[in-house]
mmCIF file of all heavy atoms, coordinates in Angstrom:
data_MODEL
# 
_entry.id   MODEL 
# 
loop_
_atom_site.group_PDB 
_atom_site.id 
_atom_site.type_symbol 
_atom_site.label_atom_id 
_atom_site.label_alt_id 
_atom_site.label_comp_id 
_atom_site.label_asym_id 
_atom_site.label_entity_id 
_atom_site.label_seq_id 
_atom_site.pdbx_PDB_ins_code 
_atom_site.Cartn_x 
_atom_site.Cartn_y 
_atom_site.Cartn_z 
_atom_site.occupancy 
_atom_site.B_iso_or_equiv 
_atom_site.pdbx_formal_charge 
_atom_site.auth_seq_id 
_atom_site.auth_comp_id 
_atom_site.auth_asym_id 
_atom_site.auth_atom_id 
_atom_site.pdbx_PDB_model_num 
ATOM 1   N N   . ASN A 1 1  ? 3.301   -1.726 -65.476 1.00 0.00 ? 1  ASN A N   1 
ATOM 2   C CA  . ASN A 1 1  ? 2.543   -1.767 -66.720 1.00 0.00 ? 1  ASN A CA  1 
ATOM 3   C C   . ASN A 1 1  ? 1.750   -0.459 -66.843 1.00 0.00 ? 1  ASN A C   1 
ATOM 4   O O   . ASN A 1 1  ? 0.995   -0.109 -65.932 1.00 0.00 ? 1  ASN A O   1 
ATOM 5   C CB  . ASN A 1 1  ? 1.601   -2.976 -66.707 1.00 0.00 ? 1  ASN A CB  1 
ATOM 6   C CG  . ASN A 1 1  ? 0.766   -3.084 -67.956 1.00 0.00 ? 1  ASN A CG  1 
ATOM 7   O OD1 . ASN A 1 1  ? -0.045  -2.229 -68.250 1.00 0.00 ? 1  ASN A OD1 1 
ATOM 8   N ND2 . ASN A 1 1  ? 0.952   -4.162 -68.705 1.00 0.00 ? 1  ASN A ND2 1 
ATOM 9   N N   . PRO A 1 2  ? 1.911   0.280  -67.942 1.00 0.00 ? 2  PRO A N   1 
ATOM 10  C CA  . PRO A 1 2  ? 1.205   1.572  -68.078 1.00 0.00 ? 2  PRO A CA  1 
ATOM 11  C C   . PRO A 1 2  ? -0.299  1.473  -67.913 1.00 0.00 ? 2  PRO A C   1 
ATOM 12  O O   . PRO A 1 2  ? -0.924  2.368  -67.342 1.00 0.00 ? 2  PRO A O   1 
ATOM 13  C CB  . PRO A 1 2  ? 1.588   2.023  -69.497 1.00 0.00 ? 2  PRO A CB  1 
ATOM 14  C CG  . PRO A 1 2  ? 2.869   1.330  -69.786 1.00 0.00 ? 2  PRO A CG  1 
ATOM 15  C CD  . PRO A 1 2  ? 2.789   0.000  -69.089 1.00 0.00 ? 2  PRO A CD  1 
ATOM 16  N N   . LYS A 1 3  ? -0.888  0.379  -68.402 1.00 0.00 ? 3  LYS A N   1 
ATOM 17  C CA  . LYS A 1 3  ? -2.333  0.212  -68.264 1.00 0.00 ? 3  LYS A CA  1 
ATOM 18  C C   . LYS A 1 3  ? -2.731  0.117  -66.795 1.00 0.00 ? 3  LYS A C   1 
ATOM 19  O O   . LYS A 1 3  ? -3.723  0.722  -66.367 1.00 0.00 ? 3  LYS A O   1 
ATOM 20  C CB  . LYS A 1 3  ? -2.797  -1.033 -69.020 1.00 0.00 ? 3  LYS A CB  1 
ATOM 21  C CG  . LYS A 1 3  ? -4.309  -1.259 -68.962 1.00 0.00 ? 3  LYS A CG  1 
ATOM 22  C CD  . LYS A 1 3  ? -4.700  -2.517 -69.709 1.00 0.00 ? 3  LYS A CD  1 
ATOM 23  C CE  . LYS A 1 3  ? -6.211  -2.711 -69.720 1.00 0.00 ? 3  LYS A CE  1 
ATOM 24  N NZ  . LYS A 1 3  ? -6.794  -2.857 -68.382 1.00 0.00 ? 3  LYS A NZ  1 
ATOM 25  N N   . LEU A 1 4  ? -1.958  -0.648 -66.015 1.00 0.00 ? 4  LEU A N   1 
ATOM 26  C CA  . LEU A 1 4  ? -2.262  -0.780 -64.593 1.00 0.00 ? 4  LEU A CA  1 
ATOM 27  C C   . LEU A 1 4  ? -2.076  0.554  -63.869 1.00 0.00 ? 4  LEU A C   1 
ATOM 28  O O   . LEU A 1 4  ? -2.840  0.889  -62.959 1.00 0.00 ? 4  LEU A O   1 
ATOM 29  C CB  . LEU A 1 4  ? -1.369  -1.842 -63.955 1.00 0.00 ? 4  LEU A CB  1 
ATOM 30  C CG  . LEU A 1 4  ? -1.641  -3.298 -64.342 1.00 0.00 ? 4  LEU A CG  1 
ATOM 31  C CD1 . LEU A 1 4  ? -0.638  -4.217 -63.659 1.00 0.00 ? 4  LEU A CD1 1 
ATOM 32  C CD2 . LEU A 1 4  ? -3.059  -3.700 -63.977 1.00 0.00 ? 4  LEU A CD2 1 
ATOM 33  N N   . ILE A 1 5  ? -1.078  1.314  -64.278 1.00 0.00 ? 5  ILE A N   1 
ATOM 34  C CA  . ILE A 1 5  ? -0.859  2.630  -63.662 1.00 0.00 ? 5  ILE A CA  1 
ATOM 35  C C   . ILE A 1 5  ? -2.051  3.528  -63.925 1.00 0.00 ? 5  ILE A C   1 
ATOM 36  O O   . ILE A 1 5  ? -2.562  4.203  -63.022 1.00 0.00 ? 5  ILE A O   1 
ATOM 37  C CB  . ILE A 1 5  ? 0.441   3.263  -64.195 1.00 0.00 ? 5  ILE A CB  1 
ATOM 38  C CG1 . ILE A 1 5  ? 1.645   2.426  -63.769 1.00 0.00 ? 5  ILE A CG1 1 
ATOM 39  C CG2 . ILE A 1 5  ? 0.589   4.694  -63.680 1.00 0.00 ? 5  ILE A CG2 1 
ATOM 40  C CD1 . ILE A 1 5  ? 2.959   2.848  -64.410 1.00 0.00 ? 5  ILE A CD1 1 
ATOM 41  N N   . ASP A 1 6  ? -2.539  3.534  -65.156 1.00 0.00 ? 6  ASP A N   1 
ATOM 42  C CA  . ASP A 1 6  ? -3.707  4.353  -65.493 1.00 0.00 ? 6  ASP A CA  1 
ATOM 43  C C   . ASP A 1 6  ? -4.948  3.885  -64.734 1.00 0.00 ? 6  ASP A C   1 
ATOM 44  O O   . ASP A 1 6  ? -5.783  4.702  -64.321 1.00 0.00 ? 6  ASP A O   1 
ATOM 45  C CB  . ASP A 1 6  ? -3.961  4.321  -67.002 1.00 0.00 ? 6  ASP A CB  1 
ATOM 46  C CG  . ASP A 1 6  ? -2.908  5.098  -67.796 1.00 0.00 ? 6  ASP A CG  1 
ATOM 47  O OD1 . ASP A 1 6  ? -2.239  5.974  -67.192 1.00 0.00 ? 6  ASP A OD1 1 
ATOM 48  O OD2 . ASP A 1 6  ? -2.758  4.833  -69.005 1.00 0.00 ? 6  ASP A OD2 1 
ATOM 49  N N   . GLU A 1 7  ? -5.079  2.561  -64.545 1.00 0.00 ? 7  GLU A N   1 
ATOM 50  C CA  . GLU A 1 7  ? -6.214  2.023  -63.779 1.00 0.00 ? 7  GLU A CA  1 
ATOM 51  C C   . GLU A 1 7  ? -6.140  2.510  -62.330 1.00 0.00 ? 7  GLU A C   1 
ATOM 52  O O   . GLU A 1 7  ? -7.162  2.864  -61.726 1.00 0.00 ? 7  GLU A O   1 
ATOM 53  C CB  . GLU A 1 7  ? -6.204  0.500  -63.813 1.00 0.00 ? 7  GLU A CB  1 
ATOM 54  C CG  . GLU A 1 7  ? -6.526  -0.119 -65.164 1.00 0.00 ? 7  GLU A CG  1 
ATOM 55  C CD  . GLU A 1 7  ? -8.021  -0.234 -65.418 1.00 0.00 ? 7  GLU A CD  1 
ATOM 56  O OE1 . GLU A 1 7  ? -8.812  0.286  -64.614 1.00 0.00 ? 7  GLU A OE1 1 
ATOM 57  O OE2 . GLU A 1 7  ? -8.387  -0.848 -66.432 1.00 0.00 ? 7  GLU A OE2 1 
ATOM 58  N N   . ALA A 1 8  ? -4.935  2.519  -61.761 1.00 0.00 ? 8  ALA A N   1 
ATOM 59  C CA  . ALA A 1 8  ? -4.757  2.981  -60.384 1.00 0.00 ? 8  ALA A CA  1 
ATOM 60  C C   . ALA A 1 8  ? -5.114  4.454  -60.256 1.00 0.00 ? 8  ALA A C   1 
ATOM 61  O O   . ALA A 1 8  ? -5.748  4.878  -59.280 1.00 0.00 ? 8  ALA A O   1 
ATOM 62  C CB  . ALA A 1 8  ? -3.322  2.743  -59.930 1.00 0.00 ? 8  ALA A CB  1 
ATOM 63  N N   . ILE A 1 9  ? -4.727  5.234  -61.240 1.00 0.00 ? 9  ILE A N   1 
ATOM 64  C CA  . ILE A 1 9  ? -5.051  6.667  -61.224 1.00 0.00 ? 9  ILE A CA  1 
ATOM 65  C C   . ILE A 1 9  ? -6.560  6.864  -61.323 1.00 0.00 ? 9  ILE A C   1 
ATOM 66  O O   . ILE A 1 9  ? -7.142  7.672  -60.596 1.00 0.00 ? 9  ILE A O   1 
ATOM 67  C CB  . ILE A 1 9  ? -4.319  7.386  -62.371 1.00 0.00 ? 9  ILE A CB  1 
ATOM 68  C CG1 . ILE A 1 9  ? -2.807  7.399  -62.108 1.00 0.00 ? 9  ILE A CG1 1 
ATOM 69  C CG2 . ILE A 1 9  ? -4.840  8.811  -62.544 1.00 0.00 ? 9  ILE A CG2 1 
ATOM 70  C CD1 . ILE A 1 9  ? -1.977  7.869  -63.274 1.00 0.00 ? 9  ILE A CD1 1 
ATOM 71  N N   . SER A 1 10 ? -7.213  6.117  -62.204 1.00 0.00 ? 10 SER A N   1 
ATOM 72  C CA  . SER A 1 10 ? -8.675  6.219  -62.356 1.00 0.00 ? 10 SER A CA  1 
ATOM 73  C C   . SER A 1 10 ? -9.392  5.844  -61.064 1.00 0.00 ? 10 SER A C   1 
ATOM 74  O O   . SER A 1 10 ? -10.459 6.386  -60.755 1.00 0.00 ? 10 SER A O   1 
ATOM 75  C CB  . SER A 1 10 ? -9.154  5.304  -63.494 1.00 0.00 ? 10 SER A CB  1 
ATOM 76  O OG  . SER A 1 10 ? -8.630  5.720  -64.733 1.00 0.00 ? 10 SER A OG  1 
ATOM 77  N N   . ALA A 1 11 ? -8.798  4.907  -60.308 1.00 0.00 ? 11 ALA A N   1 
ATOM 78  C CA  . ALA A 1 11 ? -9.383  4.477  -59.039 1.00 0.00 ? 11 ALA A CA  1 
ATOM 79  C C   . ALA A 1 11 ? -9.013  5.410  -57.887 1.00 0.00 ? 11 ALA A C   1 
ATOM 80  O O   . ALA A 1 11 ? -9.353  5.146  -56.736 1.00 0.00 ? 11 ALA A O   1 
ATOM 81  C CB  . ALA A 1 11 ? -8.928  3.059  -58.712 1.00 0.00 ? 11 ALA A CB  1 
ATOM 82  N N   . LYS A 1 12 ? -8.316  6.502  -58.225 1.00 0.00 ? 12 LYS A N   1 
ATOM 83  C CA  . LYS A 1 12 ? -7.923  7.531  -57.241 1.00 0.00 ? 12 LYS A CA  1 
ATOM 84  C C   . LYS A 1 12 ? -6.976  6.996  -56.174 1.00 0.00 ? 12 LYS A C   1 
ATOM 85  O O   . LYS A 1 12 ? -7.012  7.422  -55.011 1.00 0.00 ? 12 LYS A O   1 
ATOM 86  C CB  . LYS A 1 12 ? -9.158  8.186  -56.609 1.00 0.00 ? 12 LYS A CB  1 
ATOM 87  C CG  . LYS A 1 12 ? -10.106 8.820  -57.635 1.00 0.00 ? 12 LYS A CG  1 
ATOM 88  C CD  . LYS A 1 12 ? -11.189 9.642  -56.977 1.00 0.00 ? 12 LYS A CD  1 
ATOM 89  C CE  . LYS A 1 12 ? -12.185 10.181 -58.004 1.00 0.00 ? 12 LYS A CE  1 
ATOM 90  N NZ  . LYS A 1 12 ? -11.545 10.859 -59.132 1.00 0.00 ? 12 LYS A NZ  1 
ATOM 91  N N   . CYS A 1 13 ? -6.136  6.037  -56.546 1.00 0.00 ? 13 CYS A N   1 
ATOM 92  C CA  . CYS A 1 13 ? -5.092  5.578  -55.637 1.00 0.00 ? 13 CYS A CA  1 
ATOM 93  C C   . CYS A 1 13 ? -4.033  6.674  -55.509 1.00 0.00 ? 13 CYS A C   1 
ATOM 94  O O   . CYS A 1 13 ? -3.811  7.466  -56.429 1.00 0.00 ? 13 CYS A O   1 
ATOM 95  C CB  . CYS A 1 13 ? -4.433  4.304  -56.178 1.00 0.00 ? 13 CYS A CB  1 
ATOM 96  S SG  . CYS A 1 13 ? -5.515  2.861  -56.200 1.00 0.00 ? 13 CYS A SG  1 
ATOM 97  N N   . GLU A 1 14 ? -3.369  6.691  -54.382 1.00 0.00 ? 14 GLU A N   1 
ATOM 98  C CA  . GLU A 1 14 ? -2.314  7.679  -54.160 1.00 0.00 ? 14 GLU A CA  1 
ATOM 99  C C   . GLU A 1 14 ? -1.022  7.218  -54.835 1.00 0.00 ? 14 GLU A C   1 
ATOM 100 O O   . GLU A 1 14 ? -0.481  6.173  -54.510 1.00 0.00 ? 14 GLU A O   1 
ATOM 101 C CB  . GLU A 1 14 ? -2.075  7.885  -52.663 1.00 0.00 ? 14 GLU A CB  1 
ATOM 102 C CG  . GLU A 1 14 ? -1.008  8.938  -52.375 1.00 0.00 ? 14 GLU A CG  1 
ATOM 103 C CD  . GLU A 1 14 ? -0.752  9.123  -50.886 1.00 0.00 ? 14 GLU A CD  1 
ATOM 104 O OE1 . GLU A 1 14 ? -1.571  8.638  -50.069 1.00 0.00 ? 14 GLU A OE1 1 
ATOM 105 O OE2 . GLU A 1 14 ? 0.273   9.742  -50.545 1.00 0.00 ? 14 GLU A OE2 1 
ATOM 106 N N   . ILE A 1 15 ? -0.549  8.007  -55.791 1.00 0.00 ? 15 ILE A N   1 
ATOM 107 C CA  . ILE A 1 15 ? 0.691   7.685  -56.494 1.00 0.00 ? 15 ILE A CA  1 
ATOM 108 C C   . ILE A 1 15 ? 1.859   8.195  -55.656 1.00 0.00 ? 15 ILE A C   1 
ATOM 109 O O   . ILE A 1 15 ? 2.021   9.399  -55.471 1.00 0.00 ? 15 ILE A O   1 
ATOM 110 C CB  . ILE A 1 15 ? 0.731   8.326  -57.897 1.00 0.00 ? 15 ILE A CB  1 
ATOM 111 C CG1 . ILE A 1 15 ? -0.533  7.958  -58.693 1.00 0.00 ? 15 ILE A CG1 1 
ATOM 112 C CG2 . ILE A 1 15 ? 1.986   7.889  -58.638 1.00 0.00 ? 15 ILE A CG2 1 
ATOM 113 C CD1 . ILE A 1 15 ? -0.714  6.483  -58.931 1.00 0.00 ? 15 ILE A CD1 1 
ATOM 114 N N   . TYR A 1 16 ? 2.665   7.277  -55.159 1.00 0.00 ? 16 TYR A N   1 
ATOM 115 C CA  . TYR A 1 16 ? 3.784   7.649  -54.299 1.00 0.00 ? 16 TYR A CA  1 
ATOM 116 C C   . TYR A 1 16 ? 4.994   8.106  -55.118 1.00 0.00 ? 16 TYR A C   1 
ATOM 117 O O   . TYR A 1 16 ? 5.625   9.118  -54.807 1.00 0.00 ? 16 TYR A O   1 
ATOM 118 C CB  . TYR A 1 16 ? 4.162   6.463  -53.419 1.00 0.00 ? 16 TYR A CB  1 
ATOM 119 C CG  . TYR A 1 16 ? 5.357   6.701  -52.528 1.00 0.00 ? 16 TYR A CG  1 
ATOM 120 C CD1 . TYR A 1 16 ? 5.246   7.455  -51.367 1.00 0.00 ? 16 TYR A CD1 1 
ATOM 121 C CD2 . TYR A 1 16 ? 6.605   6.172  -52.853 1.00 0.00 ? 16 TYR A CD2 1 
ATOM 122 C CE1 . TYR A 1 16 ? 6.347   7.681  -50.548 1.00 0.00 ? 16 TYR A CE1 1 
ATOM 123 C CE2 . TYR A 1 16 ? 7.708   6.385  -52.050 1.00 0.00 ? 16 TYR A CE2 1 
ATOM 124 C CZ  . TYR A 1 16 ? 7.574   7.149  -50.900 1.00 0.00 ? 16 TYR A CZ  1 
ATOM 125 O OH  . TYR A 1 16 ? 8.668   7.376  -50.098 1.00 0.00 ? 16 TYR A OH  1 
ATOM 126 N N   . LYS A 1 17 ? 5.309   7.355  -56.176 1.00 0.00 ? 17 LYS A N   1 
ATOM 127 C CA  . LYS A 1 17 ? 6.467   7.700  -56.988 1.00 0.00 ? 17 LYS A CA  1 
ATOM 128 C C   . LYS A 1 17 ? 6.344   7.071  -58.369 1.00 0.00 ? 17 LYS A C   1 
ATOM 129 O O   . LYS A 1 17 ? 5.891   5.936  -58.505 1.00 0.00 ? 17 LYS A O   1 
ATOM 130 C CB  . LYS A 1 17 ? 7.754   7.199  -56.330 1.00 0.00 ? 17 LYS A CB  1 
ATOM 131 C CG  . LYS A 1 17 ? 9.031   7.597  -57.047 1.00 0.00 ? 17 LYS A CG  1 
ATOM 132 C CD  . LYS A 1 17 ? 9.514   8.968  -56.645 1.00 0.00 ? 17 LYS A CD  1 
ATOM 133 C CE  . LYS A 1 17 ? 10.075  8.974  -55.236 1.00 0.00 ? 17 LYS A CE  1 
ATOM 134 N NZ  . LYS A 1 17 ? 10.649  10.294 -54.876 1.00 0.00 ? 17 LYS A NZ  1 
ATOM 135 N N   . ILE A 1 18 ? 6.743   7.831  -59.389 1.00 0.00 ? 18 ILE A N   1 
ATOM 136 C CA  . ILE A 1 18 ? 6.860   7.319  -60.744 1.00 0.00 ? 18 ILE A CA  1 
ATOM 137 C C   . ILE A 1 18 ? 8.349   7.216  -61.072 1.00 0.00 ? 18 ILE A C   1 
ATOM 138 O O   . ILE A 1 18 ? 9.116   8.145  -60.805 1.00 0.00 ? 18 ILE A O   1 
ATOM 139 C CB  . ILE A 1 18 ? 6.178   8.252  -61.769 1.00 0.00 ? 18 ILE A CB  1 
ATOM 140 C CG1 . ILE A 1 18 ? 4.678   8.407  -61.475 1.00 0.00 ? 18 ILE A CG1 1 
ATOM 141 C CG2 . ILE A 1 18 ? 6.398   7.743  -63.196 1.00 0.00 ? 18 ILE A CG2 1 
ATOM 142 C CD1 . ILE A 1 18 ? 3.845   7.191  -61.775 1.00 0.00 ? 18 ILE A CD1 1 
ATOM 143 N N   . ILE A 1 19 ? 8.756   6.096  -61.649 1.00 0.00 ? 19 ILE A N   1 
ATOM 144 C CA  . ILE A 1 19 ? 10.148  5.924  -62.063 1.00 0.00 ? 19 ILE A CA  1 
ATOM 145 C C   . ILE A 1 19 ? 10.163  5.710  -63.572 1.00 0.00 ? 19 ILE A C   1 
ATOM 146 O O   . ILE A 1 19 ? 9.535   4.774  -64.085 1.00 0.00 ? 19 ILE A O   1 
ATOM 147 C CB  . ILE A 1 19 ? 10.812  4.719  -61.365 1.00 0.00 ? 19 ILE A CB  1 
ATOM 148 C CG1 . ILE A 1 19 ? 10.689  4.838  -59.840 1.00 0.00 ? 19 ILE A CG1 1 
ATOM 149 C CG2 . ILE A 1 19 ? 12.284  4.624  -61.756 1.00 0.00 ? 19 ILE A CG2 1 
ATOM 150 C CD1 . ILE A 1 19 ? 9.581   4.009  -59.243 1.00 0.00 ? 19 ILE A CD1 1 
ATOM 151 N N   . PHE A 1 20 ? 10.866  6.572  -64.280 1.00 0.00 ? 20 PHE A N   1 
ATOM 152 C CA  . PHE A 1 20 ? 11.009  6.451  -65.720 1.00 0.00 ? 20 PHE A CA  1 
ATOM 153 C C   . PHE A 1 20 ? 12.386  5.897  -66.066 1.00 0.00 ? 20 PHE A C   1 
ATOM 154 O O   . PHE A 1 20 ? 13.386  6.249  -65.435 1.00 0.00 ? 20 PHE A O   1 
ATOM 155 C CB  . PHE A 1 20 ? 10.872  7.816  -66.411 1.00 0.00 ? 20 PHE A CB  1 
ATOM 156 C CG  . PHE A 1 20 ? 9.513   8.452  -66.294 1.00 0.00 ? 20 PHE A CG  1 
ATOM 157 C CD1 . PHE A 1 20 ? 9.338   9.606  -65.548 1.00 0.00 ? 20 PHE A CD1 1 
ATOM 158 C CD2 . PHE A 1 20 ? 8.426   7.914  -66.950 1.00 0.00 ? 20 PHE A CD2 1 
ATOM 159 C CE1 . PHE A 1 20 ? 8.101   10.208 -65.446 1.00 0.00 ? 20 PHE A CE1 1 
ATOM 160 C CE2 . PHE A 1 20 ? 7.174   8.502  -66.853 1.00 0.00 ? 20 PHE A CE2 1 
ATOM 161 C CZ  . PHE A 1 20 ? 7.014   9.653  -66.101 1.00 0.00 ? 20 PHE A CZ  1 
ATOM 162 N N   . GLU A 1 21 ? 12.421  5.077  -67.097 1.00 0.00 ? 21 GLU A N   1 
ATOM 163 C CA  . GLU A 1 21 ? 13.710  4.699  -67.666 1.00 0.00 ? 21 GLU A CA  1 
ATOM 164 C C   . GLU A 1 21 ? 14.202  5.864  -68.521 1.00 0.00 ? 21 GLU A C   1 
ATOM 165 O O   . GLU A 1 21 ? 13.410  6.539  -69.203 1.00 0.00 ? 21 GLU A O   1 
ATOM 166 C CB  . GLU A 1 21 ? 13.565  3.445  -68.521 1.00 0.00 ? 21 GLU A CB  1 
ATOM 167 C CG  . GLU A 1 21 ? 14.871  2.966  -69.120 1.00 0.00 ? 21 GLU A CG  1 
ATOM 168 C CD  . GLU A 1 21 ? 14.690  1.760  -70.019 1.00 0.00 ? 21 GLU A CD  1 
ATOM 169 O OE1 . GLU A 1 21 ? 13.636  1.079  -69.927 1.00 0.00 ? 21 GLU A OE1 1 
ATOM 170 O OE2 . GLU A 1 21 ? 15.600  1.506  -70.826 1.00 0.00 ? 21 GLU A OE2 1 
ATOM 171 N N   . GLU A 1 22 ? 15.474  6.116  -68.488 1.00 0.00 ? 22 GLU A N   1 
ATOM 172 C CA  . GLU A 1 22 ? 16.068  7.200  -69.262 1.00 0.00 ? 22 GLU A CA  1 
ATOM 173 C C   . GLU A 1 22 ? 15.622  7.127  -70.731 1.00 0.00 ? 22 GLU A C   1 
ATOM 174 O O   . GLU A 1 22 ? 15.682  6.083  -71.372 1.00 0.00 ? 22 GLU A O   1 
ATOM 175 C CB  . GLU A 1 22 ? 17.595  7.100  -69.192 1.00 0.00 ? 22 GLU A CB  1 
ATOM 176 C CG  . GLU A 1 22 ? 18.331  8.174  -69.954 1.00 0.00 ? 22 GLU A CG  1 
ATOM 177 C CD  . GLU A 1 22 ? 19.840  8.008  -69.866 1.00 0.00 ? 22 GLU A CD  1 
ATOM 178 O OE1 . GLU A 1 22 ? 20.309  7.011  -69.258 1.00 0.00 ? 22 GLU A OE1 1 
ATOM 179 O OE2 . GLU A 1 22 ? 20.546  8.874  -70.402 1.00 0.00 ? 22 GLU A OE2 1 
ATOM 180 N N   . GLY A 1 23 ? 15.119  8.248  -71.229 1.00 0.00 ? 23 GLY A N   1 
ATOM 181 C CA  . GLY A 1 23 ? 14.686  8.325  -72.618 1.00 0.00 ? 23 GLY A CA  1 
ATOM 182 C C   . GLY A 1 23 ? 13.246  7.926  -72.854 1.00 0.00 ? 23 GLY A C   1 
ATOM 183 O O   . GLY A 1 23 ? 12.724  8.085  -73.967 1.00 0.00 ? 23 GLY A O   1 
ATOM 184 N N   . LYS A 1 24 ? 12.551  7.431  -71.820 1.00 0.00 ? 24 LYS A N   1 
ATOM 185 C CA  . LYS A 1 24 ? 11.164  6.986  -71.987 1.00 0.00 ? 24 LYS A CA  1 
ATOM 186 C C   . LYS A 1 24 ? 10.156  7.942  -71.341 1.00 0.00 ? 24 LYS A C   1 
ATOM 187 O O   . LYS A 1 24 ? 8.950   7.741  -71.484 1.00 0.00 ? 24 LYS A O   1 
ATOM 188 C CB  . LYS A 1 24 ? 10.986  5.590  -71.364 1.00 0.00 ? 24 LYS A CB  1 
ATOM 189 C CG  . LYS A 1 24 ? 11.914  4.520  -71.929 1.00 0.00 ? 24 LYS A CG  1 
ATOM 190 C CD  . LYS A 1 24 ? 11.528  4.136  -73.332 1.00 0.00 ? 24 LYS A CD  1 
ATOM 191 C CE  . LYS A 1 24 ? 12.435  3.039  -73.878 1.00 0.00 ? 24 LYS A CE  1 
ATOM 192 N NZ  . LYS A 1 24 ? 12.251  1.746  -73.217 1.00 0.00 ? 24 LYS A NZ  1 
ATOM 193 N N   . ASP A 1 25 ? 10.643  8.974  -70.643 1.00 0.00 ? 25 ASP A N   1 
ATOM 194 C CA  . ASP A 1 25 ? 9.728   9.826  -69.879 1.00 0.00 ? 25 ASP A CA  1 
ATOM 195 C C   . ASP A 1 25 ? 8.765   10.618 -70.757 1.00 0.00 ? 25 ASP A C   1 
ATOM 196 O O   . ASP A 1 25 ? 7.615   10.832 -70.383 1.00 0.00 ? 25 ASP A O   1 
ATOM 197 C CB  . ASP A 1 25 ? 10.508  10.783 -68.963 1.00 0.00 ? 25 ASP A CB  1 
ATOM 198 C CG  . ASP A 1 25 ? 11.575  11.556 -69.703 1.00 0.00 ? 25 ASP A CG  1 
ATOM 199 O OD1 . ASP A 1 25 ? 12.434  10.922 -70.329 1.00 0.00 ? 25 ASP A OD1 1 
ATOM 200 O OD2 . ASP A 1 25 ? 11.554  12.794 -69.643 1.00 0.00 ? 25 ASP A OD2 1 
ATOM 201 N N   . GLU A 1 26 ? 9.195   11.033 -71.951 1.00 0.00 ? 26 GLU A N   1 
ATOM 202 C CA  . GLU A 1 26 ? 8.300   11.823 -72.806 1.00 0.00 ? 26 GLU A CA  1 
ATOM 203 C C   . GLU A 1 26 ? 7.153   10.984 -73.353 1.00 0.00 ? 26 GLU A C   1 
ATOM 204 O O   . GLU A 1 26 ? 6.084   11.505 -73.667 1.00 0.00 ? 26 GLU A O   1 
ATOM 205 C CB  . GLU A 1 26 ? 9.105   12.453 -73.954 1.00 0.00 ? 26 GLU A CB  1 
ATOM 206 C CG  . GLU A 1 26 ? 10.062  13.540 -73.518 1.00 0.00 ? 26 GLU A CG  1 
ATOM 207 C CD  . GLU A 1 26 ? 9.361   14.656 -72.741 1.00 0.00 ? 26 GLU A CD  1 
ATOM 208 O OE1 . GLU A 1 26 ? 8.214   15.006 -73.091 1.00 0.00 ? 26 GLU A OE1 1 
ATOM 209 O OE2 . GLU A 1 26 ? 9.953   15.150 -71.761 1.00 0.00 ? 26 GLU A OE2 1 
ATOM 210 N N   . LYS A 1 27 ? 7.375   9.689  -73.438 1.00 0.00 ? 27 LYS A N   1 
ATOM 211 C CA  . LYS A 1 27 ? 6.330   8.782  -73.927 1.00 0.00 ? 27 LYS A CA  1 
ATOM 212 C C   . LYS A 1 27 ? 5.140   8.739  -72.970 1.00 0.00 ? 27 LYS A C   1 
ATOM 213 O O   . LYS A 1 27 ? 4.001   8.483  -73.375 1.00 0.00 ? 27 LYS A O   1 
ATOM 214 C CB  . LYS A 1 27 ? 6.924   7.380  -74.103 1.00 0.00 ? 27 LYS A CB  1 
ATOM 215 C CG  . LYS A 1 27 ? 5.974   6.350  -74.679 1.00 0.00 ? 27 LYS A CG  1 
ATOM 216 C CD  . LYS A 1 27 ? 6.678   5.006  -74.823 1.00 0.00 ? 27 LYS A CD  1 
ATOM 217 C CE  . LYS A 1 27 ? 5.730   3.927  -75.329 1.00 0.00 ? 27 LYS A CE  1 
ATOM 218 N NZ  . LYS A 1 27 ? 6.405   2.603  -75.434 1.00 0.00 ? 27 LYS A NZ  1 
ATOM 219 N N   . PHE A 1 28 ? 5.429   8.981  -71.694 1.00 0.00 ? 28 PHE A N   1 
ATOM 220 C CA  . PHE A 1 28 ? 4.373   8.948  -70.672 1.00 0.00 ? 28 PHE A CA  1 
ATOM 221 C C   . PHE A 1 28 ? 4.306   10.296 -69.963 1.00 0.00 ? 28 PHE A C   1 
ATOM 222 O O   . PHE A 1 28 ? 4.268   10.367 -68.734 1.00 0.00 ? 28 PHE A O   1 
ATOM 223 C CB  . PHE A 1 28 ? 4.649   7.825  -69.671 1.00 0.00 ? 28 PHE A CB  1 
ATOM 224 C CG  . PHE A 1 28 ? 4.812   6.472  -70.302 1.00 0.00 ? 28 PHE A CG  1 
ATOM 225 C CD1 . PHE A 1 28 ? 6.074   5.904  -70.454 1.00 0.00 ? 28 PHE A CD1 1 
ATOM 226 C CD2 . PHE A 1 28 ? 3.708   5.768  -70.755 1.00 0.00 ? 28 PHE A CD2 1 
ATOM 227 C CE1 . PHE A 1 28 ? 6.234   4.658  -71.037 1.00 0.00 ? 28 PHE A CE1 1 
ATOM 228 C CE2 . PHE A 1 28 ? 3.854   4.511  -71.338 1.00 0.00 ? 28 PHE A CE2 1 
ATOM 229 C CZ  . PHE A 1 28 ? 5.118   3.956  -71.489 1.00 0.00 ? 28 PHE A CZ  1 
ATOM 230 N N   . SER A 1 29 ? 4.271   11.359 -70.749 1.00 0.00 ? 29 SER A N   1 
ATOM 231 C CA  . SER A 1 29 ? 4.356   12.714 -70.183 1.00 0.00 ? 29 SER A CA  1 
ATOM 232 C C   . SER A 1 29 ? 3.197   13.029 -69.245 1.00 0.00 ? 29 SER A C   1 
ATOM 233 O O   . SER A 1 29 ? 3.322   13.870 -68.351 1.00 0.00 ? 29 SER A O   1 
ATOM 234 C CB  . SER A 1 29 ? 4.419   13.753 -71.309 1.00 0.00 ? 29 SER A CB  1 
ATOM 235 O OG  . SER A 1 29 ? 3.308   13.630 -72.181 1.00 0.00 ? 29 SER A OG  1 
ATOM 236 N N   . HIS A 1 30 ? 2.042   12.352 -69.425 1.00 0.00 ? 30 HIS A N   1 
ATOM 237 C CA  . HIS A 1 30 ? 0.891   12.632 -68.555 1.00 0.00 ? 30 HIS A CA  1 
ATOM 238 C C   . HIS A 1 30 ? 1.167   12.216 -67.108 1.00 0.00 ? 30 HIS A C   1 
ATOM 239 O O   . HIS A 1 30 ? 0.465   12.645 -66.189 1.00 0.00 ? 30 HIS A O   1 
ATOM 240 C CB  . HIS A 1 30 ? -0.364  11.928 -69.070 1.00 0.00 ? 30 HIS A CB  1 
ATOM 241 C CG  . HIS A 1 30 ? -0.319  10.431 -68.982 1.00 0.00 ? 30 HIS A CG  1 
ATOM 242 N ND1 . HIS A 1 30 ? 0.499   9.650  -69.774 1.00 0.00 ? 30 HIS A ND1 1 
ATOM 243 C CD2 . HIS A 1 30 ? -0.998  9.559  -68.179 1.00 0.00 ? 30 HIS A CD2 1 
ATOM 244 C CE1 . HIS A 1 30 ? 0.327   8.375  -69.476 1.00 0.00 ? 30 HIS A CE1 1 
ATOM 245 N NE2 . HIS A 1 30 ? -0.571  8.293  -68.505 1.00 0.00 ? 30 HIS A NE2 1 
# 
């Protein structure tokens, strides 16, 4: 869930890997 991902980033959790579905990566370019 994008909201949960942003919450994890705000909490300074270590992001191990992001997986995008083909064609959706530009929507979450940050």
